[in-house]
N, C-alpha and C. Protein backbone atom coordinates (compact mmCIF):
# COMPACT_ATOMS: atom_id res chain seq x y z
N MET A 1 0.84 -1.19 0.00
CA MET A 1 0.00 0.00 0.00
C MET A 1 0.88 1.25 0.00
N ASN A 2 0.33 2.31 -0.54
CA ASN A 2 1.05 3.58 -0.57
C ASN A 2 0.65 4.44 0.61
N GLN A 3 1.62 5.23 1.08
CA GLN A 3 1.30 6.16 2.16
C GLN A 3 0.30 7.18 1.62
N PRO A 4 -0.71 7.52 2.44
CA PRO A 4 -1.70 8.50 1.98
C PRO A 4 -1.13 9.91 1.97
N LYS A 5 -1.78 10.75 1.20
CA LYS A 5 -1.43 12.17 1.16
C LYS A 5 -1.72 12.78 2.53
N PRO A 6 -0.73 13.41 3.16
CA PRO A 6 -0.97 13.99 4.49
C PRO A 6 -2.03 15.08 4.46
N ARG A 7 -2.87 15.08 5.46
CA ARG A 7 -3.88 16.11 5.66
C ARG A 7 -4.47 15.93 7.04
N SER A 8 -5.15 16.93 7.52
CA SER A 8 -5.77 16.87 8.84
C SER A 8 -6.97 15.92 8.77
N VAL A 9 -6.88 14.81 9.50
CA VAL A 9 -7.97 13.84 9.51
C VAL A 9 -8.33 13.48 10.95
N LEU A 10 -9.52 12.91 11.10
CA LEU A 10 -9.94 12.34 12.36
C LEU A 10 -10.01 10.83 12.18
N SER A 11 -9.56 10.12 13.19
CA SER A 11 -9.69 8.67 13.22
C SER A 11 -10.75 8.34 14.27
N LEU A 12 -11.64 7.42 13.94
CA LEU A 12 -12.74 7.08 14.83
C LEU A 12 -12.74 5.59 15.15
N ASP A 13 -12.89 5.29 16.42
CA ASP A 13 -13.11 3.92 16.89
C ASP A 13 -14.55 3.90 17.38
N ILE A 14 -15.46 3.42 16.53
CA ILE A 14 -16.89 3.49 16.81
C ILE A 14 -17.34 2.30 17.63
N GLY A 15 -17.90 2.58 18.78
CA GLY A 15 -18.48 1.55 19.62
C GLY A 15 -19.95 1.83 19.83
N ASN A 16 -20.62 0.95 20.53
CA ASN A 16 -22.06 1.14 20.77
C ASN A 16 -22.34 2.25 21.78
N LYS A 17 -21.42 2.49 22.72
CA LYS A 17 -21.63 3.51 23.76
C LYS A 17 -20.76 4.75 23.57
N ARG A 18 -19.57 4.55 23.01
CA ARG A 18 -18.62 5.66 22.86
C ARG A 18 -17.96 5.60 21.49
N ILE A 19 -17.47 6.77 21.06
CA ILE A 19 -16.68 6.85 19.84
C ILE A 19 -15.34 7.48 20.23
N GLY A 20 -14.28 6.68 20.12
CA GLY A 20 -12.95 7.19 20.38
C GLY A 20 -12.49 8.02 19.20
N ILE A 21 -11.76 9.09 19.50
CA ILE A 21 -11.34 10.04 18.46
C ILE A 21 -9.87 10.38 18.62
N ALA A 22 -9.17 10.42 17.50
CA ALA A 22 -7.81 10.92 17.45
C ALA A 22 -7.68 11.75 16.18
N GLY A 23 -6.80 12.71 16.21
CA GLY A 23 -6.60 13.56 15.03
C GLY A 23 -5.14 13.75 14.75
N CYS A 24 -4.83 14.11 13.52
CA CYS A 24 -3.45 14.43 13.17
C CYS A 24 -3.41 15.82 12.54
N ASP A 25 -2.22 16.38 12.55
CA ASP A 25 -2.01 17.69 11.96
C ASP A 25 -2.01 17.57 10.44
N PRO A 26 -2.08 18.68 9.71
CA PRO A 26 -2.14 18.63 8.25
C PRO A 26 -0.94 17.95 7.58
N LEU A 27 0.18 17.88 8.26
CA LEU A 27 1.36 17.23 7.68
C LEU A 27 1.46 15.76 8.06
N GLY A 28 0.55 15.30 8.91
CA GLY A 28 0.56 13.90 9.33
C GLY A 28 1.72 13.55 10.23
N ILE A 29 2.20 14.53 10.99
CA ILE A 29 3.36 14.31 11.86
C ILE A 29 2.96 13.92 13.27
N SER A 30 2.02 14.66 13.84
CA SER A 30 1.65 14.39 15.24
C SER A 30 0.21 13.89 15.32
N ILE A 31 0.01 12.95 16.25
CA ILE A 31 -1.31 12.38 16.50
C ILE A 31 -1.74 12.78 17.90
N THR A 32 -2.96 13.27 18.02
CA THR A 32 -3.50 13.71 19.30
C THR A 32 -4.75 12.91 19.63
N GLN A 33 -4.76 12.31 20.81
CA GLN A 33 -5.98 11.65 21.28
C GLN A 33 -6.93 12.74 21.77
N LEU A 34 -8.18 12.66 21.34
CA LEU A 34 -9.19 13.63 21.73
C LEU A 34 -10.21 12.95 22.64
N PRO A 35 -10.96 13.73 23.42
CA PRO A 35 -11.99 13.11 24.27
C PRO A 35 -13.01 12.34 23.45
N ALA A 36 -13.36 11.17 23.93
CA ALA A 36 -14.35 10.33 23.25
C ALA A 36 -15.73 10.98 23.33
N ILE A 37 -16.54 10.66 22.36
CA ILE A 37 -17.93 11.10 22.36
C ILE A 37 -18.77 9.98 22.95
N PHE A 38 -19.57 10.32 23.95
CA PHE A 38 -20.50 9.36 24.53
C PHE A 38 -21.78 9.46 23.70
N ARG A 39 -22.11 8.39 23.03
CA ARG A 39 -23.20 8.39 22.06
C ARG A 39 -24.56 8.57 22.72
N THR A 40 -25.36 9.43 22.08
CA THR A 40 -26.76 9.61 22.47
C THR A 40 -27.61 9.36 21.23
N SER A 41 -27.68 10.36 20.38
CA SER A 41 -28.39 10.21 19.11
C SER A 41 -27.43 10.63 17.99
N PHE A 42 -27.74 10.21 16.77
CA PHE A 42 -26.88 10.60 15.66
C PHE A 42 -26.81 12.12 15.53
N GLU A 43 -27.93 12.80 15.73
CA GLU A 43 -27.97 14.25 15.61
C GLU A 43 -27.04 14.92 16.62
N GLU A 44 -27.04 14.44 17.86
CA GLU A 44 -26.15 15.00 18.89
C GLU A 44 -24.69 14.68 18.57
N ASP A 45 -24.43 13.45 18.14
CA ASP A 45 -23.07 13.08 17.74
C ASP A 45 -22.60 14.01 16.62
N LEU A 46 -23.46 14.23 15.63
CA LEU A 46 -23.13 15.05 14.48
C LEU A 46 -22.76 16.47 14.90
N LYS A 47 -23.50 17.04 15.85
CA LYS A 47 -23.19 18.40 16.35
C LYS A 47 -21.77 18.44 16.91
N GLN A 48 -21.41 17.43 17.69
CA GLN A 48 -20.07 17.40 18.28
C GLN A 48 -19.00 17.23 17.20
N PHE A 49 -19.27 16.37 16.22
CA PHE A 49 -18.30 16.17 15.14
C PHE A 49 -18.15 17.43 14.30
N CYS A 50 -19.25 18.15 14.07
CA CYS A 50 -19.17 19.41 13.31
C CYS A 50 -18.24 20.40 14.01
N GLN A 51 -18.37 20.50 15.32
CA GLN A 51 -17.51 21.41 16.09
C GLN A 51 -16.05 20.99 15.98
N ILE A 52 -15.79 19.72 16.20
CA ILE A 52 -14.41 19.22 16.14
C ILE A 52 -13.82 19.44 14.76
N CYS A 53 -14.58 19.11 13.72
CA CYS A 53 -14.09 19.25 12.35
C CYS A 53 -13.81 20.70 11.98
N THR A 54 -14.63 21.62 12.46
CA THR A 54 -14.42 23.04 12.19
C THR A 54 -13.16 23.53 12.89
N ILE A 55 -13.04 23.23 14.16
CA ILE A 55 -11.87 23.67 14.94
C ILE A 55 -10.57 23.11 14.37
N ARG A 56 -10.57 21.83 14.02
CA ARG A 56 -9.35 21.15 13.56
C ARG A 56 -9.15 21.21 12.05
N LYS A 57 -10.11 21.84 11.32
CA LYS A 57 -10.03 21.93 9.86
C LYS A 57 -9.83 20.55 9.23
N VAL A 58 -10.68 19.64 9.63
CA VAL A 58 -10.58 18.24 9.21
C VAL A 58 -10.91 18.10 7.72
N LYS A 59 -10.11 17.28 7.05
CA LYS A 59 -10.26 17.05 5.61
C LYS A 59 -10.63 15.61 5.28
N GLY A 60 -10.81 14.75 6.30
CA GLY A 60 -11.19 13.37 6.03
C GLY A 60 -11.34 12.57 7.30
N LEU A 61 -11.95 11.38 7.15
CA LEU A 61 -12.18 10.47 8.27
C LEU A 61 -11.53 9.12 8.01
N VAL A 62 -10.89 8.59 9.04
CA VAL A 62 -10.35 7.23 9.03
C VAL A 62 -11.13 6.48 10.08
N ILE A 63 -11.83 5.43 9.68
CA ILE A 63 -12.73 4.74 10.59
C ILE A 63 -12.35 3.28 10.71
N GLY A 64 -12.28 2.82 11.96
CA GLY A 64 -11.95 1.43 12.22
C GLY A 64 -13.07 0.51 11.79
N ASN A 65 -12.69 -0.60 11.17
CA ASN A 65 -13.64 -1.60 10.70
C ASN A 65 -13.31 -2.91 11.42
N PRO A 66 -14.12 -3.29 12.42
CA PRO A 66 -13.82 -4.48 13.22
C PRO A 66 -14.13 -5.80 12.51
N LEU A 67 -13.23 -6.21 11.65
CA LEU A 67 -13.39 -7.47 10.93
C LEU A 67 -13.04 -8.64 11.85
N ASP A 68 -13.48 -9.84 11.47
CA ASP A 68 -13.12 -11.00 12.28
C ASP A 68 -11.70 -11.46 11.94
N MET A 69 -11.25 -12.55 12.56
CA MET A 69 -9.87 -13.02 12.40
C MET A 69 -9.56 -13.44 10.95
N ARG A 70 -10.58 -13.72 10.17
CA ARG A 70 -10.38 -14.11 8.77
C ARG A 70 -10.50 -12.92 7.82
N GLY A 71 -10.79 -11.75 8.37
CA GLY A 71 -10.96 -10.56 7.53
C GLY A 71 -12.36 -10.39 6.99
N ASN A 72 -13.32 -11.12 7.57
CA ASN A 72 -14.72 -11.02 7.14
C ASN A 72 -15.47 -9.99 7.98
N GLU A 73 -16.52 -9.44 7.38
CA GLU A 73 -17.34 -8.48 8.12
C GLU A 73 -18.07 -9.16 9.27
N THR A 74 -18.30 -8.37 10.32
CA THR A 74 -19.04 -8.81 11.49
C THR A 74 -20.27 -7.92 11.63
N THR A 75 -21.13 -8.25 12.57
CA THR A 75 -22.29 -7.40 12.83
C THR A 75 -21.83 -6.00 13.21
N GLN A 76 -20.81 -5.90 14.06
CA GLN A 76 -20.29 -4.59 14.47
C GLN A 76 -19.64 -3.87 13.29
N SER A 77 -18.98 -4.60 12.43
CA SER A 77 -18.36 -4.01 11.24
C SER A 77 -19.42 -3.35 10.35
N ILE A 78 -20.52 -4.04 10.16
CA ILE A 78 -21.61 -3.50 9.34
C ILE A 78 -22.17 -2.23 9.98
N ARG A 79 -22.33 -2.25 11.31
CA ARG A 79 -22.83 -1.05 12.01
C ARG A 79 -21.86 0.12 11.85
N CYS A 80 -20.56 -0.16 12.02
CA CYS A 80 -19.55 0.89 11.91
C CYS A 80 -19.53 1.50 10.51
N LYS A 81 -19.60 0.66 9.49
CA LYS A 81 -19.59 1.17 8.12
C LYS A 81 -20.83 2.01 7.83
N LYS A 82 -21.98 1.56 8.32
CA LYS A 82 -23.22 2.30 8.10
C LYS A 82 -23.14 3.67 8.78
N TYR A 83 -22.72 3.68 10.05
CA TYR A 83 -22.61 4.93 10.81
C TYR A 83 -21.55 5.83 10.18
N GLY A 84 -20.39 5.27 9.88
CA GLY A 84 -19.30 6.06 9.32
C GLY A 84 -19.63 6.66 7.96
N THR A 85 -20.30 5.90 7.13
CA THR A 85 -20.70 6.41 5.81
C THR A 85 -21.71 7.54 5.96
N LYS A 86 -22.66 7.37 6.86
CA LYS A 86 -23.66 8.41 7.12
C LYS A 86 -22.99 9.67 7.67
N LEU A 87 -22.07 9.50 8.61
CA LEU A 87 -21.37 10.64 9.19
C LEU A 87 -20.55 11.37 8.13
N ALA A 88 -19.80 10.63 7.32
CA ALA A 88 -18.99 11.25 6.27
C ALA A 88 -19.85 12.00 5.27
N THR A 89 -21.01 11.44 4.95
CA THR A 89 -21.92 12.09 4.01
C THR A 89 -22.42 13.41 4.58
N TYR A 90 -22.86 13.40 5.84
CA TYR A 90 -23.35 14.63 6.47
C TYR A 90 -22.25 15.67 6.61
N LEU A 91 -21.03 15.23 6.92
CA LEU A 91 -19.90 16.16 7.09
C LEU A 91 -19.26 16.55 5.76
N ARG A 92 -19.67 15.86 4.68
CA ARG A 92 -19.10 16.07 3.34
C ARG A 92 -17.59 15.89 3.35
N LEU A 93 -17.17 14.75 3.93
CA LEU A 93 -15.75 14.43 4.03
C LEU A 93 -15.46 13.08 3.39
N PRO A 94 -14.29 12.94 2.78
CA PRO A 94 -13.90 11.62 2.30
C PRO A 94 -13.63 10.70 3.50
N VAL A 95 -13.78 9.40 3.26
CA VAL A 95 -13.65 8.44 4.36
C VAL A 95 -12.91 7.20 3.86
N VAL A 96 -12.22 6.56 4.77
CA VAL A 96 -11.61 5.26 4.50
C VAL A 96 -11.84 4.38 5.73
N PHE A 97 -12.13 3.12 5.48
CA PHE A 97 -12.32 2.15 6.56
C PHE A 97 -11.10 1.23 6.58
N ILE A 98 -10.52 1.05 7.77
CA ILE A 98 -9.37 0.16 7.88
C ILE A 98 -9.62 -0.86 8.97
N ASN A 99 -9.00 -2.02 8.82
CA ASN A 99 -9.17 -3.10 9.77
C ASN A 99 -8.65 -2.68 11.13
N GLU A 100 -9.50 -2.77 12.14
CA GLU A 100 -9.10 -2.36 13.49
C GLU A 100 -8.89 -3.56 14.42
N GLN A 101 -8.69 -4.70 13.85
CA GLN A 101 -8.53 -5.92 14.64
C GLN A 101 -7.43 -5.75 15.69
N CYS A 102 -7.76 -5.97 16.93
CA CYS A 102 -6.83 -5.98 18.06
C CYS A 102 -6.33 -4.60 18.51
N THR A 103 -6.89 -3.50 17.99
CA THR A 103 -6.40 -2.18 18.42
C THR A 103 -6.73 -1.90 19.88
N THR A 104 -7.88 -2.37 20.36
CA THR A 104 -8.23 -2.13 21.76
C THR A 104 -7.25 -2.86 22.68
N ILE A 105 -6.91 -4.08 22.34
CA ILE A 105 -5.95 -4.84 23.15
C ILE A 105 -4.59 -4.15 23.12
N GLU A 106 -4.18 -3.71 21.93
CA GLU A 106 -2.90 -3.00 21.80
C GLU A 106 -2.92 -1.71 22.62
N ALA A 107 -4.02 -0.97 22.58
CA ALA A 107 -4.14 0.28 23.34
C ALA A 107 -4.10 0.01 24.84
N GLN A 108 -4.78 -1.05 25.28
CA GLN A 108 -4.76 -1.40 26.70
C GLN A 108 -3.34 -1.66 27.18
N GLU A 109 -2.58 -2.39 26.39
CA GLU A 109 -1.21 -2.72 26.76
C GLU A 109 -0.29 -1.51 26.65
N LYS A 110 -0.39 -0.79 25.55
CA LYS A 110 0.51 0.33 25.29
C LYS A 110 0.31 1.48 26.28
N PHE A 111 -0.96 1.73 26.65
CA PHE A 111 -1.27 2.88 27.50
C PHE A 111 -1.72 2.48 28.91
N SER A 112 -1.61 1.20 29.26
CA SER A 112 -2.01 0.69 30.58
C SER A 112 -3.42 1.12 30.96
N LEU A 113 -4.36 0.89 30.06
CA LEU A 113 -5.75 1.29 30.28
C LEU A 113 -6.64 0.05 30.34
N LYS A 114 -6.68 -0.57 31.47
CA LYS A 114 -7.52 -1.75 31.66
C LYS A 114 -8.88 -1.33 32.22
N LYS A 115 -9.94 -1.94 31.73
CA LYS A 115 -11.30 -1.70 32.22
C LYS A 115 -11.66 -0.22 32.27
N ASP A 116 -11.27 0.51 31.26
CA ASP A 116 -11.53 1.95 31.18
C ASP A 116 -12.95 2.20 30.68
N LYS A 117 -13.68 3.05 31.36
CA LYS A 117 -15.04 3.44 30.95
C LYS A 117 -15.11 4.94 30.62
N SER A 118 -13.96 5.62 30.69
CA SER A 118 -13.94 7.06 30.46
C SER A 118 -13.88 7.43 28.99
N GLY A 119 -13.56 6.45 28.15
CA GLY A 119 -13.40 6.73 26.73
C GLY A 119 -11.94 6.88 26.32
N ARG A 120 -11.04 6.89 27.29
CA ARG A 120 -9.61 7.03 26.96
C ARG A 120 -9.11 5.86 26.13
N ILE A 121 -9.56 4.65 26.45
CA ILE A 121 -9.14 3.47 25.69
C ILE A 121 -9.65 3.54 24.25
N ASP A 122 -10.84 4.09 24.06
CA ASP A 122 -11.41 4.22 22.72
C ASP A 122 -10.61 5.22 21.88
N SER A 123 -10.23 6.33 22.49
CA SER A 123 -9.43 7.33 21.77
C SER A 123 -8.00 6.84 21.55
N ALA A 124 -7.48 6.04 22.48
CA ALA A 124 -6.15 5.44 22.29
C ALA A 124 -6.20 4.47 21.11
N SER A 125 -7.28 3.71 20.99
CA SER A 125 -7.46 2.81 19.85
C SER A 125 -7.54 3.59 18.55
N ALA A 126 -8.25 4.72 18.59
CA ALA A 126 -8.35 5.58 17.40
C ALA A 126 -6.98 6.11 17.00
N ALA A 127 -6.14 6.43 17.99
CA ALA A 127 -4.78 6.92 17.71
C ALA A 127 -3.95 5.83 17.04
N ILE A 128 -4.10 4.59 17.49
CA ILE A 128 -3.37 3.48 16.88
C ILE A 128 -3.84 3.28 15.44
N LEU A 129 -5.15 3.38 15.22
CA LEU A 129 -5.69 3.29 13.85
C LEU A 129 -5.11 4.38 12.95
N LEU A 130 -5.04 5.58 13.49
CA LEU A 130 -4.53 6.70 12.71
C LEU A 130 -3.06 6.52 12.38
N GLN A 131 -2.29 6.06 13.33
CA GLN A 131 -0.87 5.79 13.09
C GLN A 131 -0.72 4.72 12.00
N GLN A 132 -1.53 3.68 12.08
CA GLN A 132 -1.51 2.62 11.07
C GLN A 132 -1.84 3.20 9.69
N TRP A 133 -2.86 4.04 9.62
CA TRP A 133 -3.28 4.63 8.35
C TRP A 133 -2.19 5.53 7.77
N LEU A 134 -1.55 6.32 8.62
CA LEU A 134 -0.50 7.22 8.13
C LEU A 134 0.66 6.45 7.51
N ILE A 135 0.91 5.26 8.00
CA ILE A 135 2.01 4.43 7.48
C ILE A 135 1.59 3.64 6.25
N GLU A 136 0.40 3.03 6.32
CA GLU A 136 0.00 2.06 5.31
C GLU A 136 -1.05 2.54 4.31
N GLY A 137 -1.78 3.62 4.64
CA GLY A 137 -2.86 4.03 3.77
C GLY A 137 -4.07 3.14 3.94
N PRO A 138 -4.95 3.08 3.00
CA PRO A 138 -4.96 3.66 1.67
C PRO A 138 -5.42 5.12 1.70
N ASN A 139 -5.38 5.75 0.53
CA ASN A 139 -5.86 7.12 0.43
C ASN A 139 -7.35 7.19 0.75
N LEU A 140 -7.79 8.36 1.15
CA LEU A 140 -9.20 8.58 1.45
C LEU A 140 -10.04 8.49 0.18
N ASP A 141 -11.25 8.01 0.35
CA ASP A 141 -12.21 7.93 -0.76
C ASP A 141 -12.88 9.29 -0.88
N ASP A 142 -12.62 9.98 -1.96
CA ASP A 142 -13.17 11.31 -2.15
C ASP A 142 -14.56 11.32 -2.79
N SER A 143 -15.27 10.20 -2.73
CA SER A 143 -16.57 10.13 -3.41
C SER A 143 -17.70 10.77 -2.62
N ASN A 144 -17.50 11.08 -1.33
CA ASN A 144 -18.60 11.69 -0.53
C ASN A 144 -18.76 13.15 -0.83
């Protein structure tokens, strides 16, 4: 895979209760874990994402896709893709979905965040996804 074109993006680790968020600068040099969004309704989530995207001048979304060990879609994967596609459409941003297999376990070990309910583990997972994307790509889908 080719490294993607650097730009300010948000990485999302979408869960049923929280959405972990991490962002990078326009040059793709630094990754910042942001406070997770505690999900209520799509409309409320969208308001928060609009604010974050405006402040950070976001140009795209990188969204974790929780595939199974064989690389097949799961029930959660389908939910994440549906939510992520809807969010990208409303925000008018390009999006890419990348395999997020084992990022939560990696985040727990890397950041010593066991049994976290604050959302820090979710945003740490999003940061790992973003780091993976910056190295491996693929480029964002500009079709939205």
